[in-house]
C-alpha atoms as a PDB file:
ATOM      1  CA  UNK A   1      -7.421   0.037   5.881  1.00  0.00           C
ATOM      2  CA  UNK A   2      -7.259   2.757   9.080  1.00  0.00           C
ATOM      3  CA  UNK A   3      -3.522   3.403   8.948  1.00  0.00           C
ATOM      4  CA  UNK A   4      -4.093   4.503   4.971  1.00  0.00           C
ATOM      5  CA  UNK A   5      -6.804   6.690   6.266  1.00  0.00           C
ATOM      6  CA  UNK A   6      -4.981   8.292   9.056  1.00  0.00           C
ATOM      7  CA  UNK A   7      -2.765  10.567   6.665  1.00  0.00           C
ATOM      8  CA  UNK A   8      -4.988  13.755   6.403  1.00  0.00           C
ATOM      9  CA  UNK A   9      -4.196  13.950   2.670  1.00  0.00           C
ATOM     10  CA  UNK A  10      -4.968  10.515   1.873  1.00  0.00           C
ATOM     11  CA  UNK A  11      -8.550  10.966   4.561  1.00  0.00           C
ATOM     12  CA  UNK A  12      -9.088  13.809   1.875  1.00  0.00           C
ATOM     13  CA  UNK A  13      -8.607  11.790  -1.163  1.00  0.00           C
ATOM     14  CA  UNK A  14     -10.845   9.252   0.024  1.00  0.00           C
ATOM     15  CA  UNK A  15     -13.689  11.884   1.126  1.00  0.00           C
ATOM     16  CA  UNK A  16     -13.502  13.264  -2.343  1.00  0.00           C
ATOM     17  CA  UNK A  17     -14.098  10.279  -4.243  1.00  0.00           C
ATOM     18  CA  UNK A  18     -17.146   9.557  -2.416  1.00  0.00           C
ATOM     19  CA  UNK A  19     -18.653  12.205  -4.562  1.00  0.00           C
ATOM     20  CA  UNK A  20     -17.696   9.606  -7.853  1.00  0.00           C
ATOM     21  CA  UNK A  21     -14.560   8.526  -9.780  1.00  0.00           C
ATOM     22  CA  UNK A  22     -12.006  10.959 -10.803  1.00  0.00           C
ATOM     23  CA  UNK A  23      -8.812  11.260 -12.022  1.00  0.00           C
ATOM     24  CA  UNK A  24      -5.876  12.137 -10.243  1.00  0.00           C
ATOM     25  CA  UNK A  25      -5.790  15.816 -12.084  1.00  0.00           C
ATOM     26  CA  UNK A  26      -9.228  16.061 -10.488  1.00  0.00           C
ATOM     27  CA  UNK A  27      -8.438  14.893  -7.230  1.00  0.00           C
ATOM     28  CA  UNK A  28      -5.055  17.253  -7.380  1.00  0.00           C
ATOM     29  CA  UNK A  29      -7.153  20.571  -7.942  1.00  0.00           C
ATOM     30  CA  UNK A  30      -8.842  20.152  -4.747  1.00  0.00           C
ATOM     31  CA  UNK A  31      -5.171  19.697  -2.833  1.00  0.00           C
ATOM     32  CA  UNK A  32      -2.464  21.891  -1.750  1.00  0.00           C
ATOM     33  CA  UNK A  33      -0.045  18.585  -2.983  1.00  0.00           C
ATOM     34  CA  UNK A  34       1.232  17.684  -6.646  1.00  0.00           C
ATOM     35  CA  UNK A  35      -0.243  14.927  -9.146  1.00  0.00           C
ATOM     36  CA  UNK A  36       2.749  13.085  -8.076  1.00  0.00           C
ATOM     37  CA  UNK A  37       1.742  13.008  -4.609  1.00  0.00           C
ATOM     38  CA  UNK A  38      -2.110  12.055  -5.425  1.00  0.00           C
ATOM     39  CA  UNK A  39      -0.899   9.417  -7.461  1.00  0.00           C
ATOM     40  CA  UNK A  40       1.044   8.030  -4.280  1.00  0.00           C
ATOM     41  CA  UNK A  41      -1.107   8.400  -1.893  1.00  0.00           C
ATOM     42  CA  UNK A  42      -3.758   6.730  -4.222  1.00  0.00           C
ATOM     43  CA  UNK A  43      -1.231   4.093  -4.468  1.00  0.00           C
ATOM     44  CA  UNK A  44      -1.313   3.212  -0.295  1.00  0.00           C
ATOM     45  CA  UNK A  45      -5.235   3.645  -0.698  1.00  0.00           C
ATOM     46  CA  UNK A  46      -5.209   1.160  -3.370  1.00  0.00           C
ATOM     47  CA  UNK A  47      -2.873  -1.398  -1.686  1.00  0.00           C
ATOM     48  CA  UNK A  48      -5.343  -0.927   1.661  1.00  0.00           C
ATOM     49  CA  UNK A  49      -8.438  -1.928  -0.951  1.00  0.00           C
ATOM     50  CA  UNK A  50     -10.138   1.486  -0.305  1.00  0.00           C
ATOM     51  CA  UNK A  51      -9.827   2.702  -3.770  1.00  0.00           C
ATOM     52  CA  UNK A  52      -9.988   1.012  -7.391  1.00  0.00           C
ATOM     53  CA  UNK A  53      -8.981   2.137 -10.438  1.00  0.00           C
ATOM     54  CA  UNK A  54     -10.479   1.884 -14.113  1.00  0.00           C
ATOM     55  CA  UNK A  55      -8.743   3.102 -17.848  1.00  0.00           C
ATOM     56  CA  UNK A  56     -11.263   5.085 -19.697  1.00  0.00           C
ATOM     57  CA  UNK A  57      -9.699   6.216 -22.680  1.00  0.00           C
ATOM     58  CA  UNK A  58      -6.280   7.680 -22.009  1.00  0.00           C
ATOM     59  CA  UNK A  59      -7.010   8.369 -18.324  1.00  0.00           C
ATOM     60  CA  UNK A  60      -7.392   6.384 -14.873  1.00  0.00           C
ATOM     61  CA  UNK A  61     -10.316   7.256 -12.798  1.00  0.00           C
ATOM     62  CA  UNK A  62     -10.358   6.053  -9.560  1.00  0.00           C
ATOM     63  CA  UNK A  63     -13.230   5.599  -7.214  1.00  0.00           C
ATOM     64  CA  UNK A  64     -14.138   4.183  -3.448  1.00  0.00           C
ATOM     65  CA  UNK A  65     -13.726   0.715  -3.331  1.00  0.00           C
ATOM     66  CA  UNK A  66     -17.141  -0.365  -2.412  1.00  0.00           C
ATOM     67  CA  UNK A  67     -16.017  -3.965  -0.807  1.00  0.00           C
ATOM     68  CA  UNK A  68     -13.250  -1.656   1.201  1.00  0.00           C
ATOM     69  CA  UNK A  69     -15.769   0.336   2.969  1.00  0.00           C
ATOM     70  CA  UNK A  70     -17.812  -2.493   3.596  1.00  0.00           C
ATOM     71  CA  UNK A  71     -15.301  -3.815   5.532  1.00  0.00           C
ATOM     72  CA  UNK A  72     -14.082  -0.368   7.194  1.00  0.00           C
ATOM     73  CA  UNK A  73     -17.862  -0.435   8.203  1.00  0.00           C
ATOM     74  CA  UNK A  74     -17.978  -3.626   9.635  1.00  0.00           C
ATOM     75  CA  UNK A  75     -15.229  -2.881  11.831  1.00  0.00           C
ATOM     76  CA  UNK A  76     -17.105  -0.116  13.361  1.00  0.00           C
ATOM     77  CA  UNK A  77     -20.153  -1.711  13.730  1.00  0.00           C
ATOM     78  CA  UNK A  78     -19.065  -4.170  15.959  1.00  0.00           C
ATOM     79  CA  UNK A  79     -18.263  -1.010  18.551  1.00  0.00           C
ATOM     80  CA  UNK A  80     -21.227   0.467  17.452  1.00  0.00           C
ATOM     81  CA  UNK A  81     -23.431  -2.853  18.386  1.00  0.00           C
ATOM     82  CA  UNK A  82     -21.143  -3.323  21.730  1.00  0.00           C
ATOM     83  CA  UNK A  83     -22.134   0.251  22.631  1.00  0.00           C
ATOM     84  CA  UNK A  84     -26.066  -0.634  21.984  1.00  0.00           C
ATOM     85  CA  UNK A  85     -25.850  -3.819  24.051  1.00  0.00           C
ATOM     86  CA  UNK A  86     -24.243  -2.251  26.794  1.00  0.00           C
ATOM     87  CA  UNK A  87     -26.809   0.817  26.830  1.00  0.00           C
ATOM     88  CA  UNK A  88     -29.729  -1.587  26.488  1.00  0.00           C
ATOM     89  CA  UNK A  89     -28.511  -3.651  29.321  1.00  0.00           C
ATOM     90  CA  UNK A  90     -27.932  -0.147  31.451  1.00  0.00           C
ATOM     91  CA  UNK A  91     -31.449   0.845  30.737  1.00  0.00           C
ATOM     92  CA  UNK A  92     -33.072  -2.446  31.633  1.00  0.00           C
ATOM     93  CA  UNK A  93     -31.568  -2.360  35.040  1.00  0.00           C
ATOM     94  CA  UNK A  94     -34.168  -1.398  37.792  1.00  0.00           C
ATOM     95  CA  UNK A  95     -33.306   2.070  39.742  1.00  0.00           C
ATOM     96  CA  UNK A  96     -32.265   0.686  42.518  1.00  0.00           C
ATOM     97  CA  UNK A  97     -29.368  -1.215  41.003  1.00  0.00           C
ATOM     98  CA  UNK A  98     -28.229   1.640  38.484  1.00  0.00           C
ATOM     99  CA  UNK A  99     -24.973   3.335  40.145  1.00  0.00           C
END
């Protein structure tokens, strides 16, 4: 998942979908890439589990996949929790033990 978001264009596409479902044309309007390029980036994001799509009439709308987003959050939360635990341990040490 992180590799998929490593590309700046894919990250921009992913971030634009945070506002809600969008078509390829709507996504491409805000980027300096073609619609076919947006489609290719969406495929990478879908394969990574970060984006889902649904058919609405003759269009396909793409949206952030909540399960993929939860997985990324879980990944980063583990580091946050470790950092908070280390901070709490350091803060609870008596002043003479701190270096």
